[in-house]
Amino acid sequence: MNIISCENLTKTYGSAAAPVHALQDVSLTFEQGSFTAITGKSGSGKSTLLHLLSGLDRPTSGQVFYQGNNLFQ
């Protein structure tokens, strides 16, 4: 069973004149009981992804699901 998933997740900061794309079109699924490591170099969007998956921040576009329920509806 999927515990957390996201579809086409995008997060953009800044203004329309100077946008900063922290995440672009990310889709992931995490199975219940699994262990997952999020790795990458500095500035690659790891913390932004975790903030969005946990509901601490809202995505610019895309959806996050927890146990099949959309977190932002």
PDB file of N, CA and C in Angstrom:
ATOM      1  N   MET A   1       0.840  -1.189   0.000  1.00  0.00           N
ATOM      2  CA  MET A   1       0.000   0.000   0.000  1.00  0.00           C
ATOM      3  C   MET A   1       0.881   1.246   0.000  1.00  0.00           C
ATOM      4  N   ASN A   2       0.500   2.238  -0.802  1.00  0.00           N
ATOM      5  CA  ASN A   2       1.216   3.517  -0.829  1.00  0.00           C
ATOM      6  C   ASN A   2       0.849   4.315   0.411  1.00  0.00           C
ATOM      7  N   ILE A   3       1.857   4.802   1.119  1.00  0.00           N
ATOM      8  CA  ILE A   3       1.595   5.640   2.298  1.00  0.00           C
ATOM      9  C   ILE A   3       1.644   7.116   1.908  1.00  0.00           C
ATOM     10  N   ILE A   4       2.633   7.497   1.098  1.00  0.00           N
ATOM     11  CA  ILE A   4       2.764   8.874   0.608  1.00  0.00           C
ATOM     12  C   ILE A   4       3.137   8.819  -0.866  1.00  0.00           C
ATOM     13  N   SER A   5       2.513   9.680  -1.646  1.00  0.00           N
ATOM     14  CA  SER A   5       2.887   9.797  -3.055  1.00  0.00           C
ATOM     15  C   SER A   5       2.694  11.243  -3.499  1.00  0.00           C
ATOM     16  N   CYS A   6       3.357  11.591  -4.564  1.00  0.00           N
ATOM     17  CA  CYS A   6       3.172  12.917  -5.149  1.00  0.00           C
ATOM     18  C   CYS A   6       3.174  12.769  -6.660  1.00  0.00           C
ATOM     19  N   GLU A   7       2.433  13.666  -7.304  1.00  0.00           N
ATOM     20  CA  GLU A   7       2.331  13.653  -8.764  1.00  0.00           C
ATOM     21  C   GLU A   7       2.600  15.046  -9.303  1.00  0.00           C
ATOM     22  N   ASN A   8       3.547  15.125 -10.210  1.00  0.00           N
ATOM     23  CA  ASN A   8       3.875  16.379 -10.914  1.00  0.00           C
ATOM     24  C   ASN A   8       4.114  17.541  -9.955  1.00  0.00           C
ATOM     25  N   LEU A   9       4.834  17.282  -8.884  1.00  0.00           N
ATOM     26  CA  LEU A   9       5.078  18.278  -7.839  1.00  0.00           C
ATOM     27  C   LEU A   9       6.078  19.324  -8.319  1.00  0.00           C
ATOM     28  N   THR A  10       5.686  20.590  -8.211  1.00  0.00           N
ATOM     29  CA  THR A  10       6.532  21.714  -8.605  1.00  0.00           C
ATOM     30  C   THR A  10       6.479  22.771  -7.515  1.00  0.00           C
ATOM     31  N   LYS A  11       7.634  23.350  -7.195  1.00  0.00           N
ATOM     32  CA  LYS A  11       7.703  24.453  -6.241  1.00  0.00           C
ATOM     33  C   LYS A  11       8.615  25.521  -6.826  1.00  0.00           C
ATOM     34  N   THR A  12       8.065  26.720  -6.971  1.00  0.00           N
ATOM     35  CA  THR A  12       8.803  27.848  -7.519  1.00  0.00           C
ATOM     36  C   THR A  12       8.764  28.986  -6.512  1.00  0.00           C
ATOM     37  N   TYR A  13       9.922  29.561  -6.233  1.00  0.00           N
ATOM     38  CA  TYR A  13      10.049  30.711  -5.342  1.00  0.00           C
ATOM     39  C   TYR A  13      10.377  31.945  -6.171  1.00  0.00           C
ATOM     40  N   GLY A  14      10.262  33.115  -5.558  1.00  0.00           N
ATOM     41  CA  GLY A  14      10.650  34.354  -6.208  1.00  0.00           C
ATOM     42  C   GLY A  14       9.518  34.945  -7.024  1.00  0.00           C
ATOM     43  N   SER A  15       9.867  35.907  -7.845  1.00  0.00           N
ATOM     44  CA  SER A  15       8.870  36.628  -8.656  1.00  0.00           C
ATOM     45  C   SER A  15       8.795  36.023 -10.059  1.00  0.00           C
ATOM     46  N   ALA A  16       7.792  36.463 -10.807  1.00  0.00           N
ATOM     47  CA  ALA A  16       7.647  36.003 -12.184  1.00  0.00           C
ATOM     48  C   ALA A  16       8.837  36.452 -13.041  1.00  0.00           C
ATOM     49  N   ALA A  17       9.431  37.594 -12.672  1.00  0.00           N
ATOM     50  CA  ALA A  17      10.574  38.104 -13.424  1.00  0.00           C
ATOM     51  C   ALA A  17      11.849  37.303 -13.154  1.00  0.00           C
ATOM     52  N   ALA A  18      11.955  36.737 -11.933  1.00  0.00           N
ATOM     53  CA  ALA A  18      13.151  35.982 -11.560  1.00  0.00           C
ATOM     54  C   ALA A  18      12.761  34.742 -10.756  1.00  0.00           C
ATOM     55  N   PRO A  19      12.119  33.754 -11.411  1.00  0.00           N
ATOM     56  CA  PRO A  19      11.687  32.560 -10.676  1.00  0.00           C
ATOM     57  C   PRO A  19      12.854  31.638 -10.337  1.00  0.00           C
ATOM     58  N   VAL A  20      12.737  30.988  -9.178  1.00  0.00           N
ATOM     59  CA  VAL A  20      13.704  29.974  -8.760  1.00  0.00           C
ATOM     60  C   VAL A  20      12.931  28.669  -8.625  1.00  0.00           C
ATOM     61  N   HIS A  21      13.249  27.699  -9.449  1.00  0.00           N
ATOM     62  CA  HIS A  21      12.541  26.420  -9.456  1.00  0.00           C
ATOM     63  C   HIS A  21      13.257  25.441  -8.516  1.00  0.00           C
ATOM     64  N   ALA A  22      12.670  25.234  -7.339  1.00  0.00           N
ATOM     65  CA  ALA A  22      13.251  24.312  -6.370  1.00  0.00           C
ATOM     66  C   ALA A  22      12.955  22.862  -6.760  1.00  0.00           C
ATOM     67  N   LEU A  23      11.758  22.614  -7.269  1.00  0.00           N
ATOM     68  CA  LEU A  23      11.364  21.292  -7.775  1.00  0.00           C
ATOM     69  C   LEU A  23      10.572  21.484  -9.060  1.00  0.00           C
ATOM     70  N   GLN A  24      10.743  20.565  -9.992  1.00  0.00           N
ATOM     71  CA  GLN A  24       9.989  20.634 -11.246  1.00  0.00           C
ATOM     72  C   GLN A  24       9.477  19.250 -11.620  1.00  0.00           C
ATOM     73  N   ASP A  25       8.152  19.083 -11.600  1.00  0.00           N
ATOM     74  CA  ASP A  25       7.484  17.895 -12.112  1.00  0.00           C
ATOM     75  C   ASP A  25       8.002  16.588 -11.490  1.00  0.00           C
ATOM     76  N   VAL A  26       8.011  16.523 -10.156  1.00  0.00           N
ATOM     77  CA  VAL A  26       8.481  15.338  -9.429  1.00  0.00           C
ATOM     78  C   VAL A  26       7.297  14.437  -9.099  1.00  0.00           C
ATOM     79  N   SER A  27       7.431  13.164  -9.421  1.00  0.00           N
ATOM     80  CA  SER A  27       6.421  12.166  -9.077  1.00  0.00           C
ATOM     81  C   SER A  27       7.114  11.006  -8.367  1.00  0.00           C
ATOM     82  N   LEU A  28       6.649  10.680  -7.157  1.00  0.00           N
ATOM     83  CA  LEU A  28       7.245   9.624  -6.335  1.00  0.00           C
ATOM     84  C   LEU A  28       6.158   8.854  -5.604  1.00  0.00           C
ATOM     85  N   THR A  29       6.482   7.634  -5.216  1.00  0.00           N
ATOM     86  CA  THR A  29       5.593   6.837  -4.383  1.00  0.00           C
ATOM     87  C   THR A  29       6.426   6.169  -3.301  1.00  0.00           C
ATOM     88  N   PHE A  30       5.929   6.217  -2.066  1.00  0.00           N
ATOM     89  CA  PHE A  30       6.586   5.564  -0.941  1.00  0.00           C
ATOM     90  C   PHE A  30       5.651   4.502  -0.387  1.00  0.00           C
ATOM     91  N   GLU A  31       6.136   3.271  -0.306  1.00  0.00           N
ATOM     92  CA  GLU A  31       5.347   2.157   0.195  1.00  0.00           C
ATOM     93  C   GLU A  31       5.384   2.133   1.724  1.00  0.00           C
ATOM     94  N   GLN A  32       4.272   1.743   2.320  1.00  0.00           N
ATOM     95  CA  GLN A  32       4.207   1.623   3.772  1.00  0.00           C
ATOM     96  C   GLN A  32       5.222   0.590   4.241  1.00  0.00           C
ATOM     97  N   GLY A  33       5.981   0.926   5.281  1.00  0.00           N
ATOM     98  CA  GLY A  33       6.979   0.029   5.852  1.00  0.00           C
ATOM     99  C   GLY A  33       8.336   0.078   5.180  1.00  0.00           C
ATOM    100  N   SER A  34       8.474   0.865   4.122  1.00  0.00           N
ATOM    101  CA  SER A  34       9.763   0.954   3.432  1.00  0.00           C
ATOM    102  C   SER A  34      10.617   2.068   4.038  1.00  0.00           C
ATOM    103  N   PHE A  35      11.899   1.988   3.813  1.00  0.00           N
ATOM    104  CA  PHE A  35      12.832   3.026   4.233  1.00  0.00           C
ATOM    105  C   PHE A  35      13.416   3.655   2.974  1.00  0.00           C
ATOM    106  N   THR A  36      13.457   4.980   2.944  1.00  0.00           N
ATOM    107  CA  THR A  36      13.931   5.700   1.767  1.00  0.00           C
ATOM    108  C   THR A  36      14.881   6.804   2.201  1.00  0.00           C
ATOM    109  N   ALA A  37      15.972   6.958   1.464  1.00  0.00           N
ATOM    110  CA  ALA A  37      16.924   8.039   1.716  1.00  0.00           C
ATOM    111  C   ALA A  37      16.790   9.068   0.599  1.00  0.00           C
ATOM    112  N   ILE A  38      16.713  10.328   0.972  1.00  0.00           N
ATOM    113  CA  ILE A  38      16.681  11.425   0.002  1.00  0.00           C
ATOM    114  C   ILE A  38      18.077  12.047   0.011  1.00  0.00           C
ATOM    115  N   THR A  39      18.803  11.896  -1.078  1.00  0.00           N
ATOM    116  CA  THR A  39      20.175  12.396  -1.147  1.00  0.00           C
ATOM    117  C   THR A  39      20.343  13.313  -2.352  1.00  0.00           C
ATOM    118  N   GLY A  40      21.367  14.126  -2.303  1.00  0.00           N
ATOM    119  CA  GLY A  40      21.684  15.024  -3.410  1.00  0.00           C
ATOM    120  C   GLY A  40      22.564  16.148  -2.927  1.00  0.00           C
ATOM    121  N   LYS A  41      23.094  16.878  -3.869  1.00  0.00           N
ATOM    122  CA  LYS A  41      23.980  17.970  -3.492  1.00  0.00           C
ATOM    123  C   LYS A  41      23.184  19.158  -2.944  1.00  0.00           C
ATOM    124  N   SER A  42      23.881  20.073  -2.343  1.00  0.00           N
ATOM    125  CA  SER A  42      23.269  21.259  -1.770  1.00  0.00           C
ATOM    126  C   SER A  42      22.499  22.028  -2.839  1.00  0.00           C
ATOM    127  N   GLY A  43      21.265  22.416  -2.494  1.00  0.00           N
ATOM    128  CA  GLY A  43      20.457  23.188  -3.422  1.00  0.00           C
ATOM    129  C   GLY A  43      19.654  22.358  -4.408  1.00  0.00           C
ATOM    130  N   SER A  44      19.653  21.035  -4.243  1.00  0.00           N
ATOM    131  CA  SER A  44      18.954  20.183  -5.211  1.00  0.00           C
ATOM    132  C   SER A  44      17.467  20.007  -4.914  1.00  0.00           C
ATOM    133  N   GLY A  45      16.977  20.525  -3.766  1.00  0.00           N
ATOM    134  CA  GLY A  45      15.552  20.476  -3.471  1.00  0.00           C
ATOM    135  C   GLY A  45      15.126  19.438  -2.451  1.00  0.00           C
ATOM    136  N   LYS A  46      16.078  18.845  -1.740  1.00  0.00           N
ATOM    137  CA  LYS A  46      15.756  17.805  -0.752  1.00  0.00           C
ATOM    138  C   LYS A  46      14.833  18.323   0.349  1.00  0.00           C
ATOM    139  N   SER A  47      15.188  19.419   0.968  1.00  0.00           N
ATOM    140  CA  SER A  47      14.376  19.976   2.059  1.00  0.00           C
ATOM    141  C   SER A  47      13.023  20.453   1.540  1.00  0.00           C
ATOM    142  N   THR A  48      13.009  21.051   0.364  1.00  0.00           N
ATOM    143  CA  THR A  48      11.746  21.497  -0.234  1.00  0.00           C
ATOM    144  C   THR A  48      10.825  20.308  -0.454  1.00  0.00           C
ATOM    145  N   LEU A  49      11.350  19.216  -0.978  1.00  0.00           N
ATOM    146  CA  LEU A  49      10.557  18.009  -1.194  1.00  0.00           C
ATOM    147  C   LEU A  49       9.971  17.496   0.122  1.00  0.00           C
ATOM    148  N   LEU A  50      10.779  17.427   1.156  1.00  0.00           N
ATOM    149  CA  LEU A  50      10.295  16.939   2.448  1.00  0.00           C
ATOM    150  C   LEU A  50       9.252  17.871   3.056  1.00  0.00           C
ATOM    151  N   HIS A  51       9.431  19.172   2.901  1.00  0.00           N
ATOM    152  CA  HIS A  51       8.435  20.129   3.398  1.00  0.00           C
ATOM    153  C   HIS A  51       7.101  19.950   2.677  1.00  0.00           C
ATOM    154  N   LEU A  52       7.137  19.721   1.382  1.00  0.00           N
ATOM    155  CA  LEU A  52       5.916  19.526   0.614  1.00  0.00           C
ATOM    156  C   LEU A  52       5.244  18.199   0.959  1.00  0.00           C
ATOM    157  N   LEU A  53       6.028  17.131   1.070  1.00  0.00           N
ATOM    158  CA  LEU A  53       5.466  15.817   1.390  1.00  0.00           C
ATOM    159  C   LEU A  53       4.849  15.768   2.781  1.00  0.00           C
ATOM    160  N   SER A  54       5.371  16.575   3.693  1.00  0.00           N
ATOM    161  CA  SER A  54       4.857  16.571   5.065  1.00  0.00           C
ATOM    162  C   SER A  54       3.705  17.556   5.263  1.00  0.00           C
ATOM    163  N   GLY A  55       3.417  18.378   4.262  1.00  0.00           N
ATOM    164  CA  GLY A  55       2.339  19.347   4.386  1.00  0.00           C
ATOM    165  C   GLY A  55       2.739  20.645   5.039  1.00  0.00           C
ATOM    166  N   LEU A  56       4.030  20.844   5.289  1.00  0.00           N
ATOM    167  CA  LEU A  56       4.498  22.093   5.896  1.00  0.00           C
ATOM    168  C   LEU A  56       4.478  23.251   4.916  1.00  0.00           C
ATOM    169  N   ASP A  57       4.534  22.949   3.632  1.00  0.00           N
ATOM    170  CA  ASP A  57       4.538  23.974   2.587  1.00  0.00           C
ATOM    171  C   ASP A  57       3.612  23.515   1.472  1.00  0.00           C
ATOM    172  N   ARG A  58       3.063  24.475   0.726  1.00  0.00           N
ATOM    173  CA  ARG A  58       2.150  24.159  -0.395  1.00  0.00           C
ATOM    174  C   ARG A  58       2.923  24.175  -1.709  1.00  0.00           C
ATOM    175  N   PRO A  59       2.640  23.227  -2.584  1.00  0.00           N
ATOM    176  CA  PRO A  59       3.310  23.228  -3.888  1.00  0.00           C
ATOM    177  C   PRO A  59       2.769  24.335  -4.792  1.00  0.00           C
ATOM    178  N   THR A  60       3.573  24.787  -5.720  1.00  0.00           N
ATOM    179  CA  THR A  60       3.117  25.717  -6.746  1.00  0.00           C
ATOM    180  C   THR A  60       2.126  24.996  -7.657  1.00  0.00           C
ATOM    181  N   SER A  61       2.429  23.752  -7.969  1.00  0.00           N
ATOM    182  CA  SER A  61       1.501  22.896  -8.707  1.00  0.00           C
ATOM    183  C   SER A  61       1.802  21.446  -8.372  1.00  0.00           C
ATOM    184  N   GLY A  62       0.869  20.574  -8.701  1.00  0.00           N
ATOM    185  CA  GLY A  62       1.009  19.161  -8.391  1.00  0.00           C
ATOM    186  C   GLY A  62       0.205  18.783  -7.167  1.00  0.00           C
ATOM    187  N   GLN A  63       0.257  17.509  -6.823  1.00  0.00           N
ATOM    188  CA  GLN A  63      -0.544  16.983  -5.727  1.00  0.00           C
ATOM    189  C   GLN A  63       0.297  16.091  -4.816  1.00  0.00           C
ATOM    190  N   VAL A  64      -0.042  16.104  -3.528  1.00  0.00           N
ATOM    191  CA  VAL A  64       0.574  15.220  -2.539  1.00  0.00           C
ATOM    192  C   VAL A  64      -0.545  14.413  -1.898  1.00  0.00           C
ATOM    193  N   PHE A  65      -0.337  13.105  -1.819  1.00  0.00           N
ATOM    194  CA  PHE A  65      -1.339  12.215  -1.234  1.00  0.00           C
ATOM    195  C   PHE A  65      -0.766  11.490  -0.028  1.00  0.00           C
ATOM    196  N   TYR A  66      -1.537  11.450   1.062  1.00  0.00           N
ATOM    197  CA  TYR A  66      -1.202  10.665   2.245  1.00  0.00           C
ATOM    198  C   TYR A  66      -2.323   9.647   2.426  1.00  0.00           C
ATOM    199  N   GLN A  67      -1.983   8.390   2.343  1.00  0.00           N
ATOM    200  CA  GLN A  67      -2.965   7.299   2.419  1.00  0.00           C
ATOM    201  C   GLN A  67      -4.134   7.532   1.449  1.00  0.00           C
ATOM    202  N   GLY A  68      -3.818   8.015   0.259  1.00  0.00           N
ATOM    203  CA  GLY A  68      -4.812   8.225  -0.773  1.00  0.00           C
ATOM    204  C   GLY A  68      -5.582   9.535  -0.704  1.00  0.00           C
ATOM    205  N   ASN A  69      -5.374  10.316   0.347  1.00  0.00           N
ATOM    206  CA  ASN A  69      -6.072  11.600   0.511  1.00  0.00           C
ATOM    207  C   ASN A  69      -5.165  12.751   0.089  1.00  0.00           C
ATOM    208  N   ASN A  70      -5.702  13.648  -0.738  1.00  0.00           N
ATOM    209  CA  ASN A  70      -4.955  14.810  -1.181  1.00  0.00           C
ATOM    210  C   ASN A  70      -4.750  15.773  -0.006  1.00  0.00           C
ATOM    211  N   LEU A  71      -3.508  16.090   0.317  1.00  0.00           N
ATOM    212  CA  LEU A  71      -3.207  16.958   1.470  1.00  0.00           C
ATOM    213  C   LEU A  71      -3.690  18.383   1.290  1.00  0.00           C
ATOM    214  N   PHE A  72      -3.842  18.835   0.067  1.00  0.00           N
ATOM    215  CA  PHE A  72      -4.135  20.253  -0.156  1.00  0.00           C
ATOM    216  C   PHE A  72      -5.497  20.508  -0.742  1.00  0.00           C
ATOM    217  N   GLN A  73      -6.428  19.596  -0.545  1.00  0.00           N
ATOM    218  CA  GLN A  73      -7.815  19.820  -0.968  1.00  0.00           C
ATOM    219  C   GLN A  73      -8.695  19.956   0.241  1.00  0.00           C
TER     220      GLN A  73
END
